[in-house]
Amino acid sequence: MQDNLQKKSAIQRFLGGVEWLGNLLPHPIILFMMMCVILVVVSAILSSMGVSVPDPRPNASGTIAVKNLLSAEGVGYMVSSLVKNFTGFAPLGTVLVAMLGVGIAEASGLISAGLRGLVIGAPKKLVTFTVVFAGVISNTAAELGYVVLIPLAAMIFHALGRHPLAGLAAAFAGVSGGYSANLLLGTVDPLLSGITQEAAKLVDPNYVVGPEANWYFMFISTFLVSFLGYFVTEKIVEPQLGKYDPASAADAEILKNKVEKLTPLEKKGLVWAGITALIFSLLLAWSIVPEDGILRNPKTGLVAGSPFLHGIVVFIFIFFGIPGYVYGRVTGSMKNNNDVVKAMSSSMSSMGMYIVLVFFAAQFVAFFGWTNLGSIVAVEGANLLTKLGLTGPSLFIGFILVCAFINLMISSASAQWALTAPIFVPMLMLVGYAPEVIQTAYRIGDSTTNIITPMMSYFGLIMAVAVRYKKDTGVGTLMAMMIPYSFIFIVGWTMLFYIWVFVFGLPVGPGSHTYYPAP
């Protein structure tokens, strides 16, 4: 008993320290503003000191020197490029276009009904696995995963005579811990690939990273994370929670809530939306599977470098938008074309903070590249890693752990990657790895500690749901419950990455390379 108290106390002290450190950091938008100012000052200091490194690029000669942003040339660049840096930032347009389609599917109720149908219709023996699986695939529309699936999972577990917090934990682990995995390409894929591409251009200005860059690996990861989440819930978390005592609920009314099954109209809507999605998928396959497919690369006849891959965001928009509209018309949630416009407008209005974040993140990335600080840090970092012999699997294990630790303080995937990609992507490219593989490793580290940081934006919502079922639930209680998921996820997912990349040598996505430059 004393040992358990000491362990809980240690966990609470650790989480309290994380929360304290995280609270010292400003809002990500303010953080990027401050980083831009710091970058300007540092560039002036290092430029006056004549800091430079030999140019490591093939067929290049000379050195790379720091350029001064406070010089006449630097000030002119900042003033003239501010708008171009923003509008030309790769993740901006791609994410907004994808969100238009997702917004229609979300507003019509298609995604919510699909998640409910998947979880409620699962056999009892597969409920836990299905809850985690549904959580993973819900990251296409992340808010619905948190707002709909997590409370629903707690309710379903209670209805089955199981501990509701076990259901909450399983759903939370899938939604947040498996954030990057998915069967389909979602909004997170173009978001991260755009940032990676901008960072890769510090080494290779012509390098392209598409939204599909990690799809193969993330597709398989969906099943791995679902199985690991099932294992942790069934073997560790639920046994530790013990039998649920209804008297511990802070809100007795919540125990009376019943799980709402899909109505006949909702089922009809899902059927017609599914038929629509199938027809679209068949048409898409007809355009890329045959050797003379119109969406294949017109020069090589291959899928690599094809209009299909370059326009994958458009197909994400259509894949969610049209079935979402069909579902809305069948169920009556969308009565006319104006409802479609409202749905798309609503999805864009919810992106306001993201757009502001992108504006300052784009300036930081562009300034970092123009000053040559990114290239210099990458060269020196790559040289250090080579001297230490960290150029193989151990390098990526360390990288994943670093990303996981940073995520405890900066839980936003886009904010963290926009801040760190200009350093890590060029550095690891110079060591010999392709940006697609680097991005895959980042996504593992970024996802696995989402569930154990109080800095996660939906943490308060999860706490509120937990307290309704168990009134003495605290931050330490919730985090202690989620730590096993985080540990098992990071170990299991890293092992999959090692086997995938270094044992079998498989590409992480269509046309993705493992090494840079490509063999």
Protein backbone atom coordinates (compact mmCIF):
# COMPACT_ATOMS: atom_id res chain seq x y z
CA MET A 1 0.00 0.00 0.00
CA GLN A 2 2.78 2.38 0.92
CA ASP A 3 4.62 1.50 -2.31
CA ASN A 4 1.52 2.30 -4.37
CA LEU A 5 1.15 5.66 -2.67
CA GLN A 6 4.80 6.46 -3.33
CA LYS A 7 4.40 5.48 -7.00
CA LYS A 8 1.31 7.65 -7.37
CA SER A 9 3.10 10.50 -5.65
CA ALA A 10 6.08 10.14 -8.01
CA ILE A 11 3.77 10.12 -11.03
CA GLN A 12 1.91 13.16 -9.77
CA ARG A 13 5.19 15.02 -9.16
CA PHE A 14 6.38 14.16 -12.66
CA LEU A 15 3.10 15.27 -14.26
CA GLY A 16 3.06 18.38 -12.10
CA GLY A 17 6.55 19.21 -13.36
CA VAL A 18 5.43 18.70 -16.96
CA GLU A 19 2.45 20.97 -16.38
CA TRP A 20 4.67 23.61 -14.78
CA LEU A 21 7.17 23.52 -17.65
CA GLY A 22 4.37 23.62 -20.20
CA ASN A 23 2.77 26.62 -18.53
CA LEU A 24 6.06 28.50 -18.86
CA LEU A 25 5.72 28.29 -22.64
CA PRO A 26 3.59 30.94 -24.32
CA HIS A 27 0.82 30.17 -26.80
CA PRO A 28 2.29 28.58 -29.98
CA ILE A 29 1.44 31.70 -31.99
CA ILE A 30 3.28 33.94 -29.54
CA LEU A 31 6.10 31.39 -29.45
CA PHE A 32 6.63 31.69 -33.22
CA MET A 33 6.52 35.49 -33.00
CA MET A 34 9.23 35.39 -30.32
CA MET A 35 11.28 32.88 -32.32
CA CYS A 36 11.20 35.19 -35.35
CA VAL A 37 12.51 38.08 -33.25
CA ILE A 38 15.21 35.88 -31.70
CA LEU A 39 16.16 34.63 -35.16
CA VAL A 40 16.65 38.18 -36.43
CA VAL A 41 18.97 39.05 -33.53
CA VAL A 42 20.92 35.77 -33.69
CA SER A 43 21.44 36.10 -37.45
CA ALA A 44 22.96 39.55 -36.94
CA ILE A 45 25.31 38.33 -34.19
CA LEU A 46 26.47 35.16 -36.00
CA SER A 47 26.86 37.00 -39.30
CA SER A 48 29.15 39.59 -37.66
CA MET A 49 31.19 36.68 -36.27
CA GLY A 50 31.60 35.20 -39.76
CA VAL A 51 30.07 31.82 -38.89
CA SER A 52 30.07 29.42 -41.85
CA VAL A 53 30.41 25.73 -42.80
CA PRO A 54 31.62 23.92 -45.95
CA ASP A 55 28.77 23.30 -48.41
CA PRO A 56 28.06 19.52 -48.25
CA ARG A 57 25.75 19.33 -51.25
CA PRO A 58 26.82 17.29 -54.29
CA ASN A 59 28.84 19.26 -56.89
CA ALA A 60 28.86 22.28 -54.57
CA SER A 61 31.92 24.25 -53.62
CA GLY A 62 32.61 27.03 -51.16
CA THR A 63 30.94 27.63 -47.84
CA ILE A 64 27.53 28.40 -46.38
CA ALA A 65 27.63 31.58 -44.28
CA VAL A 66 25.05 33.14 -41.99
CA LYS A 67 23.11 35.99 -43.62
CA ASN A 68 22.09 38.99 -41.54
CA LEU A 69 18.36 39.78 -41.35
CA LEU A 70 19.17 43.21 -39.91
CA SER A 71 21.23 44.19 -42.95
CA ALA A 72 19.72 46.24 -45.78
CA GLU A 73 19.32 43.05 -47.81
CA GLY A 74 17.75 41.23 -44.87
CA VAL A 75 15.24 43.95 -44.03
CA GLY A 76 14.32 44.21 -47.71
CA TYR A 77 13.78 40.46 -47.84
CA MET A 78 11.54 40.42 -44.74
CA VAL A 79 9.38 43.28 -45.98
CA SER A 80 9.00 42.02 -49.54
CA SER A 81 8.48 38.33 -48.76
CA LEU A 82 6.07 38.47 -45.82
CA VAL A 83 2.92 37.81 -47.87
CA LYS A 84 4.63 35.34 -50.20
CA ASN A 85 5.97 33.34 -47.26
CA PHE A 86 2.43 33.01 -45.94
CA THR A 87 0.53 32.25 -49.14
CA GLY A 88 3.28 29.96 -50.43
CA PHE A 89 3.53 27.89 -47.24
CA ALA A 90 2.69 24.37 -48.43
CA PRO A 91 0.41 23.21 -45.57
CA LEU A 92 -1.91 26.23 -45.80
CA GLY A 93 -3.84 25.55 -49.00
CA THR A 94 -3.76 21.77 -48.78
CA VAL A 95 -5.24 21.62 -45.29
CA LEU A 96 -7.94 24.19 -46.07
CA VAL A 97 -9.01 22.33 -49.21
CA ALA A 98 -9.19 19.00 -47.35
CA MET A 99 -11.18 20.61 -44.54
CA LEU A 100 -13.85 21.78 -46.98
CA GLY A 101 -14.80 18.18 -47.71
CA VAL A 102 -14.41 17.00 -44.12
CA GLY A 103 -16.56 19.94 -43.02
CA ILE A 104 -19.46 18.75 -45.21
CA ALA A 105 -19.20 15.19 -43.88
CA GLU A 106 -19.02 16.46 -40.31
CA ALA A 107 -21.89 18.95 -40.56
CA SER A 108 -24.20 16.44 -42.25
CA GLY A 109 -23.67 13.99 -39.39
CA LEU A 110 -22.00 11.32 -41.55
CA ILE A 111 -18.83 11.00 -39.48
CA SER A 112 -20.69 11.00 -36.16
CA ALA A 113 -23.16 8.36 -37.35
CA GLY A 114 -20.36 6.26 -38.81
CA LEU A 115 -18.46 6.24 -35.51
CA ARG A 116 -21.58 5.43 -33.51
CA GLY A 117 -22.56 2.64 -35.87
CA LEU A 118 -19.07 1.14 -35.77
CA VAL A 119 -18.86 1.07 -31.96
CA ILE A 120 -22.47 0.20 -31.10
CA GLY A 121 -22.68 -2.54 -33.71
CA ALA A 122 -19.51 -4.33 -32.56
CA PRO A 123 -19.79 -7.78 -30.91
CA LYS A 124 -19.24 -7.66 -27.13
CA LYS A 125 -15.92 -9.49 -27.37
CA LEU A 126 -14.65 -6.93 -29.86
CA VAL A 127 -15.99 -3.79 -28.18
CA THR A 128 -12.64 -2.72 -26.73
CA PHE A 129 -10.76 -3.26 -29.99
CA THR A 130 -13.50 -1.48 -31.94
CA VAL A 131 -13.49 1.50 -29.57
CA VAL A 132 -9.73 1.99 -29.97
CA PHE A 133 -9.95 1.39 -33.74
CA ALA A 134 -12.77 3.92 -34.07
CA GLY A 135 -10.71 6.39 -32.05
CA VAL A 136 -7.75 6.01 -34.40
CA ILE A 137 -9.74 6.52 -37.60
CA SER A 138 -11.67 9.42 -36.03
CA ASN A 139 -8.62 11.70 -36.34
CA THR A 140 -9.95 12.57 -39.80
CA ALA A 141 -12.27 14.82 -37.82
CA ALA A 142 -10.41 15.08 -34.50
CA GLU A 143 -13.02 17.10 -32.62
CA LEU A 144 -15.66 14.44 -33.14
CA GLY A 145 -13.33 11.81 -31.73
CA TYR A 146 -12.97 13.78 -28.50
CA VAL A 147 -16.49 15.19 -28.28
CA VAL A 148 -18.52 12.19 -29.49
CA LEU A 149 -16.54 8.96 -29.23
CA ILE A 150 -14.92 9.31 -25.79
CA PRO A 151 -18.17 10.03 -23.87
CA LEU A 152 -19.92 7.37 -25.99
CA ALA A 153 -17.29 4.74 -25.15
CA ALA A 154 -17.64 5.41 -21.40
CA MET A 155 -21.41 5.09 -21.74
CA ILE A 156 -21.14 1.80 -23.69
CA PHE A 157 -18.77 0.23 -21.16
CA HIS A 158 -21.11 1.18 -18.32
CA ALA A 159 -24.10 -0.28 -20.20
CA LEU A 160 -22.14 -3.55 -20.58
CA GLY A 161 -21.45 -3.68 -16.82
CA ARG A 162 -17.81 -2.68 -17.26
CA HIS A 163 -15.90 0.26 -15.77
CA PRO A 164 -16.82 3.42 -17.73
CA LEU A 165 -13.34 4.90 -17.21
CA ALA A 166 -11.88 1.89 -19.02
CA GLY A 167 -14.02 2.78 -22.04
CA LEU A 168 -12.98 6.41 -21.75
CA ALA A 169 -9.30 5.41 -21.57
CA ALA A 170 -9.56 3.07 -24.57
CA ALA A 171 -11.21 5.74 -26.72
CA PHE A 172 -8.80 8.45 -25.53
CA ALA A 173 -5.85 6.17 -26.36
CA GLY A 174 -7.16 5.64 -29.89
CA VAL A 175 -8.18 9.22 -30.62
CA SER A 176 -5.09 10.92 -29.20
CA GLY A 177 -2.41 8.25 -28.74
CA GLY A 178 -2.97 6.91 -32.24
CA TYR A 179 -3.44 10.38 -33.70
CA SER A 180 -1.21 9.93 -36.78
CA ALA A 181 -2.40 6.47 -37.83
CA ASN A 182 -5.36 6.01 -40.18
CA LEU A 183 -6.72 3.84 -42.97
CA LEU A 184 -7.42 6.90 -45.09
CA LEU A 185 -5.51 10.08 -45.76
CA GLY A 186 -6.85 12.85 -43.57
CA THR A 187 -6.13 16.50 -42.87
CA VAL A 188 -3.04 15.72 -40.75
CA ASP A 189 -1.24 14.18 -43.76
CA PRO A 190 -1.08 17.30 -45.98
CA LEU A 191 -0.46 19.42 -42.89
CA LEU A 192 2.71 17.57 -41.85
CA SER A 193 3.95 16.78 -45.37
CA GLY A 194 3.79 20.45 -46.29
CA ILE A 195 5.94 21.42 -43.32
CA THR A 196 8.36 18.57 -44.10
CA GLN A 197 8.65 19.70 -47.71
CA GLU A 198 9.47 23.25 -46.69
CA ALA A 199 12.19 21.93 -44.34
CA ALA A 200 13.59 19.54 -46.98
CA LYS A 201 14.05 22.46 -49.37
CA LEU A 202 16.85 23.73 -47.12
CA VAL A 203 18.91 20.83 -48.53
CA ASP A 204 17.15 20.12 -51.82
CA PRO A 205 15.06 23.00 -53.23
CA ASN A 206 13.25 20.64 -55.63
CA TYR A 207 12.27 17.96 -53.12
CA VAL A 208 8.55 17.17 -52.96
CA VAL A 209 6.81 15.44 -50.04
CA GLY A 210 3.22 14.47 -50.81
CA PRO A 211 0.35 13.89 -48.35
CA GLU A 212 0.54 10.18 -49.20
CA ALA A 213 4.21 9.97 -48.06
CA ASN A 214 3.48 7.83 -44.95
CA TRP A 215 0.24 6.11 -45.99
CA TYR A 216 1.49 2.48 -46.16
CA PHE A 217 3.05 2.64 -42.71
CA MET A 218 0.16 4.52 -41.10
CA PHE A 219 -2.38 2.11 -42.62
CA ILE A 220 -0.72 -0.86 -40.89
CA SER A 221 -0.13 1.25 -37.76
CA THR A 222 -3.91 1.62 -37.39
CA PHE A 223 -4.24 -2.09 -36.63
CA LEU A 224 -1.12 -2.16 -34.44
CA VAL A 225 -2.31 0.73 -32.27
CA SER A 226 -5.81 -0.78 -32.06
CA PHE A 227 -4.41 -4.14 -30.89
CA LEU A 228 -2.03 -2.51 -28.39
CA GLY A 229 -4.84 -0.34 -27.05
CA TYR A 230 -7.04 -3.43 -26.70
CA PHE A 231 -4.27 -5.28 -24.87
CA VAL A 232 -3.55 -2.46 -22.42
CA THR A 233 -7.24 -1.88 -21.67
CA GLU A 234 -8.09 -5.54 -21.12
CA LYS A 235 -4.92 -6.68 -19.32
CA ILE A 236 -3.72 -3.61 -17.42
CA VAL A 237 -6.10 -0.65 -17.10
CA GLU A 238 -9.49 -2.29 -16.51
CA PRO A 239 -8.19 -4.87 -13.99
CA GLN A 240 -6.44 -2.04 -12.13
CA LEU A 241 -9.64 0.02 -12.01
CA GLY A 242 -11.57 -2.92 -10.54
CA LYS A 243 -15.34 -3.15 -10.31
CA TYR A 244 -17.17 0.12 -10.87
CA ASP A 245 -19.07 1.60 -7.93
CA PRO A 246 -22.02 3.71 -9.18
CA ALA A 247 -21.97 5.60 -5.86
CA SER A 248 -18.67 7.20 -6.89
CA ALA A 249 -20.32 9.11 -9.75
CA ALA A 250 -20.41 12.87 -9.37
CA ASP A 251 -23.45 13.02 -11.65
CA ALA A 252 -25.93 10.20 -10.99
CA GLU A 253 -27.97 11.24 -14.02
CA ILE A 254 -25.17 10.25 -16.37
CA LEU A 255 -25.61 6.62 -15.31
CA LYS A 256 -29.17 6.73 -16.65
CA ASN A 257 -28.07 7.78 -20.11
CA LYS A 258 -28.68 5.16 -22.75
CA VAL A 259 -26.62 4.51 -25.84
CA GLU A 260 -28.61 5.77 -28.81
CA LYS A 261 -28.62 3.28 -31.64
CA LEU A 262 -28.69 4.40 -35.23
CA THR A 263 -32.16 5.25 -36.51
CA PRO A 264 -33.44 3.61 -39.71
CA LEU A 265 -32.98 6.94 -41.47
CA GLU A 266 -29.36 7.20 -40.32
CA LYS A 267 -28.70 3.65 -41.49
CA LYS A 268 -30.23 4.47 -44.87
CA GLY A 269 -28.04 7.57 -45.08
CA LEU A 270 -24.91 5.54 -44.28
CA VAL A 271 -25.80 2.98 -46.97
CA TRP A 272 -26.21 5.62 -49.68
CA ALA A 273 -23.09 7.49 -48.54
CA GLY A 274 -21.19 4.19 -48.71
CA ILE A 275 -22.49 3.48 -52.21
CA THR A 276 -21.42 6.96 -53.28
CA ALA A 277 -17.94 6.51 -51.80
CA LEU A 278 -17.64 3.12 -53.52
CA ILE A 279 -18.60 4.54 -56.92
CA PHE A 280 -16.08 7.36 -56.51
CA SER A 281 -13.38 4.88 -55.46
CA LEU A 282 -14.07 2.69 -58.52
CA LEU A 283 -13.88 5.70 -60.84
CA LEU A 284 -10.62 6.73 -59.20
CA ALA A 285 -9.22 3.21 -59.55
CA TRP A 286 -10.23 3.20 -63.24
CA SER A 287 -8.15 6.35 -63.75
CA ILE A 288 -4.96 5.05 -62.08
CA VAL A 289 -4.87 1.22 -62.16
CA PRO A 290 -4.78 0.64 -65.95
CA GLU A 291 -1.42 1.37 -67.62
CA ASP A 292 -3.11 4.04 -69.76
CA GLY A 293 -5.00 5.59 -66.82
CA ILE A 294 -5.58 9.30 -67.30
CA LEU A 295 -4.26 10.18 -63.83
CA ARG A 296 -0.94 8.33 -64.25
CA ASN A 297 2.30 10.18 -64.94
CA PRO A 298 1.95 11.22 -68.63
CA LYS A 299 5.72 10.93 -69.20
CA THR A 300 6.54 7.63 -67.46
CA GLY A 301 3.14 5.96 -67.25
CA LEU A 302 3.75 5.29 -63.55
CA VAL A 303 1.75 6.29 -60.46
CA ALA A 304 4.89 7.94 -59.01
CA GLY A 305 4.91 11.64 -59.86
CA SER A 306 1.40 11.37 -61.30
CA PRO A 307 -1.41 13.95 -61.23
CA PHE A 308 -3.19 11.53 -58.86
CA LEU A 309 -0.51 11.85 -56.19
CA HIS A 310 0.03 15.56 -56.76
CA GLY A 311 -3.72 16.16 -56.44
CA ILE A 312 -4.42 13.75 -53.60
CA VAL A 313 -5.85 16.56 -51.46
CA VAL A 314 -8.53 17.18 -54.08
CA PHE A 315 -9.60 13.55 -53.83
CA ILE A 316 -9.72 13.78 -50.03
CA PHE A 317 -12.06 16.75 -50.45
CA ILE A 318 -14.31 14.84 -52.88
CA PHE A 319 -14.21 11.56 -50.93
CA PHE A 320 -15.62 13.22 -47.81
CA GLY A 321 -17.62 16.02 -49.45
CA ILE A 322 -19.89 14.12 -51.85
CA PRO A 323 -20.81 11.20 -49.53
CA GLY A 324 -21.34 13.76 -46.77
CA TYR A 325 -23.77 15.68 -48.98
CA VAL A 326 -25.57 12.46 -50.01
CA TYR A 327 -25.92 11.45 -46.34
CA GLY A 328 -27.27 14.90 -45.51
CA ARG A 329 -29.88 14.81 -48.26
CA VAL A 330 -31.05 11.31 -47.32
CA THR A 331 -31.34 12.10 -43.60
CA GLY A 332 -32.61 15.63 -44.07
CA SER A 333 -29.70 17.30 -42.26
CA MET A 334 -28.91 19.09 -45.53
CA LYS A 335 -32.02 20.34 -47.24
CA ASN A 336 -30.50 22.44 -50.01
CA ASN A 337 -27.24 23.73 -51.48
CA ASN A 338 -27.11 26.57 -48.95
CA ASP A 339 -26.53 24.00 -46.21
CA VAL A 340 -23.44 22.80 -48.05
CA VAL A 341 -22.13 26.35 -48.22
CA LYS A 342 -22.82 26.82 -44.50
CA ALA A 343 -20.99 23.57 -43.69
CA MET A 344 -17.91 24.59 -45.64
CA SER A 345 -18.00 28.10 -44.18
CA SER A 346 -18.27 26.68 -40.67
CA SER A 347 -15.27 24.41 -41.22
CA MET A 348 -13.25 27.39 -42.45
CA SER A 349 -14.27 29.56 -39.49
CA SER A 350 -12.98 26.85 -37.14
CA MET A 351 -9.57 27.14 -38.84
CA GLY A 352 -9.04 30.77 -37.79
CA MET A 353 -6.41 30.05 -35.14
CA TYR A 354 -4.65 27.60 -37.46
CA ILE A 355 -4.38 30.26 -40.18
CA VAL A 356 -2.87 32.75 -37.73
CA LEU A 357 -0.43 30.08 -36.51
CA VAL A 358 0.57 29.29 -40.10
CA PHE A 359 1.28 32.97 -40.82
CA PHE A 360 3.95 33.21 -38.12
CA ALA A 361 5.20 29.64 -38.60
CA ALA A 362 5.70 30.38 -42.30
CA GLN A 363 7.78 33.47 -41.49
CA PHE A 364 9.95 31.52 -39.04
CA VAL A 365 10.60 28.71 -41.54
CA ALA A 366 11.33 31.16 -44.37
CA PHE A 367 13.64 33.35 -42.25
CA PHE A 368 15.41 30.27 -40.92
CA GLY A 369 16.10 29.16 -44.47
CA TRP A 370 17.14 32.57 -45.83
CA THR A 371 19.67 33.19 -43.07
CA ASN A 372 21.28 29.78 -43.78
CA LEU A 373 21.01 28.98 -40.07
CA GLY A 374 18.98 25.90 -40.92
CA SER A 375 21.65 24.60 -43.26
CA ILE A 376 24.47 25.36 -40.82
CA VAL A 377 22.71 23.68 -37.88
CA ALA A 378 21.94 20.69 -40.12
CA VAL A 379 25.55 20.34 -41.31
CA GLU A 380 27.03 20.64 -37.81
CA GLY A 381 24.40 18.32 -36.36
CA ALA A 382 24.96 15.74 -39.09
CA ASN A 383 28.73 15.89 -38.53
CA LEU A 384 28.23 15.37 -34.80
CA LEU A 385 25.92 12.39 -35.35
CA THR A 386 28.43 10.85 -37.75
CA LYS A 387 31.30 11.28 -35.26
CA LEU A 388 29.19 9.67 -32.53
CA GLY A 389 28.28 6.81 -34.86
CA LEU A 390 24.55 7.57 -34.58
CA THR A 391 23.52 6.96 -38.17
CA GLY A 392 21.44 3.78 -37.91
CA PRO A 393 18.37 2.58 -35.99
CA SER A 394 19.62 4.04 -32.69
CA LEU A 395 19.48 7.50 -34.28
CA PHE A 396 15.76 7.17 -34.97
CA ILE A 397 15.01 5.69 -31.56
CA GLY A 398 16.61 8.77 -30.00
CA PHE A 399 14.77 11.05 -32.42
CA ILE A 400 11.40 9.48 -31.58
CA LEU A 401 12.06 9.88 -27.84
CA VAL A 402 13.09 13.54 -28.30
CA CYS A 403 9.87 14.25 -30.24
CA ALA A 404 7.83 12.46 -27.58
CA PHE A 405 9.41 14.59 -24.84
CA ILE A 406 8.92 17.88 -26.71
CA ASN A 407 5.29 16.88 -27.25
CA LEU A 408 4.76 16.95 -23.48
CA MET A 409 5.25 20.73 -23.64
CA ILE A 410 4.04 21.54 -27.17
CA SER A 411 1.16 19.16 -27.88
CA SER A 412 0.11 20.71 -31.21
CA ALA A 413 1.45 18.47 -33.99
CA SER A 414 1.70 21.32 -36.49
CA ALA A 415 3.27 23.79 -34.04
CA GLN A 416 5.90 21.32 -32.85
CA TRP A 417 6.81 20.13 -36.35
CA ALA A 418 6.93 23.67 -37.79
CA LEU A 419 9.37 24.55 -35.01
CA THR A 420 11.58 21.45 -35.17
CA ALA A 421 11.37 20.25 -38.78
CA PRO A 422 13.73 22.95 -40.14
CA ILE A 423 16.38 21.54 -37.79
CA PHE A 424 15.79 17.77 -37.82
CA VAL A 425 14.77 17.19 -41.44
CA PRO A 426 17.89 18.75 -43.07
CA MET A 427 20.14 17.24 -40.38
CA LEU A 428 18.88 13.70 -40.91
CA MET A 429 18.82 14.17 -44.69
CA LEU A 430 22.55 14.95 -44.57
CA VAL A 431 23.07 11.78 -42.53
CA GLY A 432 21.42 9.89 -45.40
CA TYR A 433 17.68 9.51 -44.70
CA ALA A 434 14.73 10.69 -46.79
CA PRO A 435 12.26 13.26 -45.41
CA GLU A 436 9.39 10.78 -45.65
CA VAL A 437 11.06 8.39 -43.17
CA ILE A 438 12.02 11.28 -40.87
CA GLN A 439 8.41 12.47 -40.85
CA THR A 440 7.19 8.95 -40.02
CA ALA A 441 9.46 8.78 -36.97
CA TYR A 442 8.25 12.23 -35.86
CA ARG A 443 4.62 11.15 -36.06
CA ILE A 444 5.28 8.22 -33.72
CA GLY A 445 6.90 10.43 -31.08
CA ASP A 446 4.29 13.15 -31.45
CA SER A 447 1.30 10.81 -31.07
CA THR A 448 2.35 8.54 -28.23
CA THR A 449 2.65 11.17 -25.49
CA ASN A 450 -0.50 13.13 -26.38
CA ILE A 451 -2.40 11.14 -23.76
CA ILE A 452 -0.10 11.92 -20.83
CA THR A 453 0.37 15.66 -21.15
CA PRO A 454 -1.87 18.22 -19.44
CA MET A 455 -0.93 20.56 -22.31
CA MET A 456 -3.17 18.64 -24.73
CA SER A 457 -5.98 20.99 -25.77
CA TYR A 458 -8.79 18.51 -25.02
CA PHE A 459 -7.38 17.43 -21.67
CA GLY A 460 -9.95 19.50 -19.76
CA LEU A 461 -12.80 17.89 -21.70
CA ILE A 462 -11.53 14.37 -20.90
CA MET A 463 -11.22 15.29 -17.22
CA ALA A 464 -14.77 16.62 -17.19
CA VAL A 465 -16.17 13.36 -18.56
CA ALA A 466 -14.07 11.26 -16.16
CA VAL A 467 -15.16 13.24 -13.10
CA ARG A 468 -18.83 12.71 -13.94
CA TYR A 469 -18.32 8.95 -13.59
CA LYS A 470 -15.83 9.06 -10.69
CA LYS A 471 -15.91 12.23 -8.64
CA ASP A 472 -12.46 11.86 -7.06
CA THR A 473 -10.67 11.64 -10.42
CA GLY A 474 -7.70 14.02 -10.51
CA VAL A 475 -4.99 14.90 -12.97
CA GLY A 476 -2.67 12.29 -11.50
CA THR A 477 -5.39 9.62 -11.61
CA LEU A 478 -6.13 10.18 -15.27
CA MET A 479 -2.49 10.38 -16.26
CA ALA A 480 -1.56 7.27 -14.27
CA MET A 481 -4.35 5.48 -16.12
CA MET A 482 -2.96 6.57 -19.52
CA ILE A 483 0.77 6.03 -18.89
CA PRO A 484 0.62 2.28 -19.74
CA TYR A 485 -0.88 3.14 -23.14
CA SER A 486 1.83 5.72 -23.82
CA PHE A 487 4.64 3.34 -22.86
CA ILE A 488 3.29 0.36 -24.81
CA PHE A 489 2.47 2.52 -27.85
CA ILE A 490 5.92 4.07 -28.09
CA VAL A 491 7.68 0.71 -27.66
CA GLY A 492 5.41 -1.22 -30.03
CA TRP A 493 5.20 1.51 -32.67
CA THR A 494 8.98 2.06 -32.62
CA MET A 495 9.52 -1.69 -33.05
CA LEU A 496 7.20 -1.68 -36.07
CA PHE A 497 9.15 1.27 -37.51
CA TYR A 498 12.46 -0.55 -37.01
CA ILE A 499 11.20 -3.77 -38.62
CA TRP A 500 9.48 -1.92 -41.47
CA VAL A 501 12.38 0.36 -42.38
CA PHE A 502 15.56 -1.44 -41.31
CA VAL A 503 14.64 -5.15 -41.49
CA PHE A 504 12.30 -5.39 -44.48
CA GLY A 505 13.33 -2.12 -46.15
CA LEU A 506 9.74 -1.29 -47.07
CA PRO A 507 8.70 2.18 -48.30
CA VAL A 508 6.59 4.11 -45.79
CA GLY A 509 4.31 5.39 -48.54
CA PRO A 510 3.69 5.36 -52.30
CA GLY A 511 6.84 6.52 -54.06
CA SER A 512 8.53 7.31 -50.73
CA HIS A 513 12.25 6.72 -50.35
CA THR A 514 14.07 5.48 -47.28
CA TYR A 515 17.45 7.02 -48.02
CA TYR A 516 18.61 10.39 -49.35
CA PRO A 517 19.71 10.76 -52.02
CA ALA A 518 17.55 7.96 -53.40
CA PRO A 519 19.59 4.97 -54.66
